[in-house]
Amino acid sequence: MQIFLVGIHPKNLNIEPISTLEQQTIIKGQFKTNGMLKQLLLGAIIGMFTVKEFEFYNSNKSSLNKRIFSMLKVRLLDQWN
């Protein structure tokens, strides 16, 4: 969550004092429009891979990236509920 908050900080988005629906809209919107944030989050995940996991990731990047971003969105949305 901290990386997400750092990633949206330059855009001056304050996510804490708003309703859950507005938070969800912001999170989903950031995943659609903020490529730098997506790469930052993806890098944090990939950085924790073992060598074998990274080799598997390299051969399946496209499908795994979709899955990773999907899981990240759900995780971020759940943290504010």
Protein backbone atom coordinates (compact mmCIF):
# COMPACT_ATOMS: atom_id res chain seq x y z
CA MET A 1 0.00 0.00 0.00
CA GLN A 2 2.85 2.38 0.80
CA ILE A 3 4.25 2.11 -2.73
CA PHE A 4 0.80 2.90 -4.13
CA LEU A 5 0.53 6.00 -1.95
CA VAL A 6 4.01 7.14 -3.01
CA GLY A 7 3.05 6.55 -6.64
CA ILE A 8 -0.05 8.73 -6.45
CA HIS A 9 1.57 11.44 -4.30
CA PRO A 10 2.91 13.49 -7.24
CA LYS A 11 -0.65 13.65 -8.59
CA ASN A 12 -1.87 15.19 -5.29
CA LEU A 13 -4.56 12.56 -4.81
CA ASN A 14 -5.64 12.18 -1.20
CA ILE A 15 -7.25 8.80 -0.77
CA GLU A 16 -7.82 8.62 2.99
CA PRO A 17 -10.72 10.98 3.87
CA ILE A 18 -13.02 9.95 1.01
CA SER A 19 -15.71 7.32 0.67
CA THR A 20 -14.98 3.73 -0.24
CA LEU A 21 -16.59 4.15 -3.65
CA GLU A 22 -14.37 7.15 -4.42
CA GLN A 23 -11.30 5.23 -3.23
CA GLN A 24 -12.19 2.37 -5.57
CA THR A 25 -12.62 4.79 -8.46
CA ILE A 26 -9.21 6.35 -7.78
CA ILE A 27 -7.45 2.98 -7.47
CA LYS A 28 -9.00 1.61 -10.65
CA GLY A 29 -8.31 4.87 -12.48
CA GLN A 30 -4.67 4.86 -11.45
CA PHE A 31 -4.22 1.36 -12.83
CA LYS A 32 -5.67 2.54 -16.14
CA THR A 33 -3.76 5.80 -16.51
CA ASN A 34 -0.64 5.81 -14.32
CA GLY A 35 1.91 3.68 -16.14
CA MET A 36 4.74 4.76 -13.85
CA LEU A 37 2.81 3.53 -10.80
CA LYS A 38 2.06 0.21 -12.48
CA GLN A 39 5.74 -0.30 -13.32
CA LEU A 40 6.75 0.64 -9.77
CA LEU A 41 4.35 -1.90 -8.26
CA LEU A 42 5.31 -4.56 -10.81
CA GLY A 43 8.99 -4.02 -10.06
CA ALA A 44 8.37 -4.44 -6.33
CA ILE A 45 6.64 -7.77 -7.00
CA ILE A 46 9.20 -9.05 -9.51
CA GLY A 47 12.02 -8.06 -7.15
CA MET A 48 10.82 -10.71 -4.71
CA PHE A 49 10.92 -13.55 -7.26
CA THR A 50 13.38 -16.39 -6.94
CA VAL A 51 15.52 -17.20 -9.99
CA LYS A 52 13.15 -20.00 -11.04
CA GLU A 53 10.10 -17.79 -10.59
CA PHE A 54 11.76 -15.05 -12.63
CA GLU A 55 12.56 -17.48 -15.44
CA PHE A 56 8.92 -18.61 -15.46
CA TYR A 57 7.80 -14.97 -15.40
CA ASN A 58 10.01 -14.11 -18.38
CA SER A 59 8.40 -16.82 -20.49
CA ASN A 60 4.84 -15.81 -19.48
CA LYS A 61 5.07 -12.03 -18.99
CA SER A 62 1.85 -10.94 -20.64
CA SER A 63 -0.54 -13.24 -18.82
CA LEU A 64 1.28 -12.92 -15.51
CA ASN A 65 1.31 -9.11 -15.65
CA LYS A 66 -2.47 -9.11 -16.10
CA ARG A 67 -2.82 -11.47 -13.17
CA ILE A 68 -0.43 -9.50 -10.96
CA PHE A 69 -2.25 -6.20 -11.64
CA SER A 70 -5.59 -7.85 -11.00
CA MET A 71 -4.39 -9.18 -7.64
CA LEU A 72 -2.82 -5.83 -6.73
CA LYS A 73 -6.09 -3.99 -7.41
CA VAL A 74 -8.04 -6.42 -5.24
CA ARG A 75 -5.44 -6.18 -2.47
CA LEU A 76 -5.46 -2.37 -2.48
CA LEU A 77 -9.27 -2.22 -2.55
CA ASP A 78 -9.48 -4.67 0.36
CA GLN A 79 -7.02 -2.70 2.48
CA TRP A 80 -9.34 0.31 2.67
CA ASN A 81 -12.47 -1.65 3.55
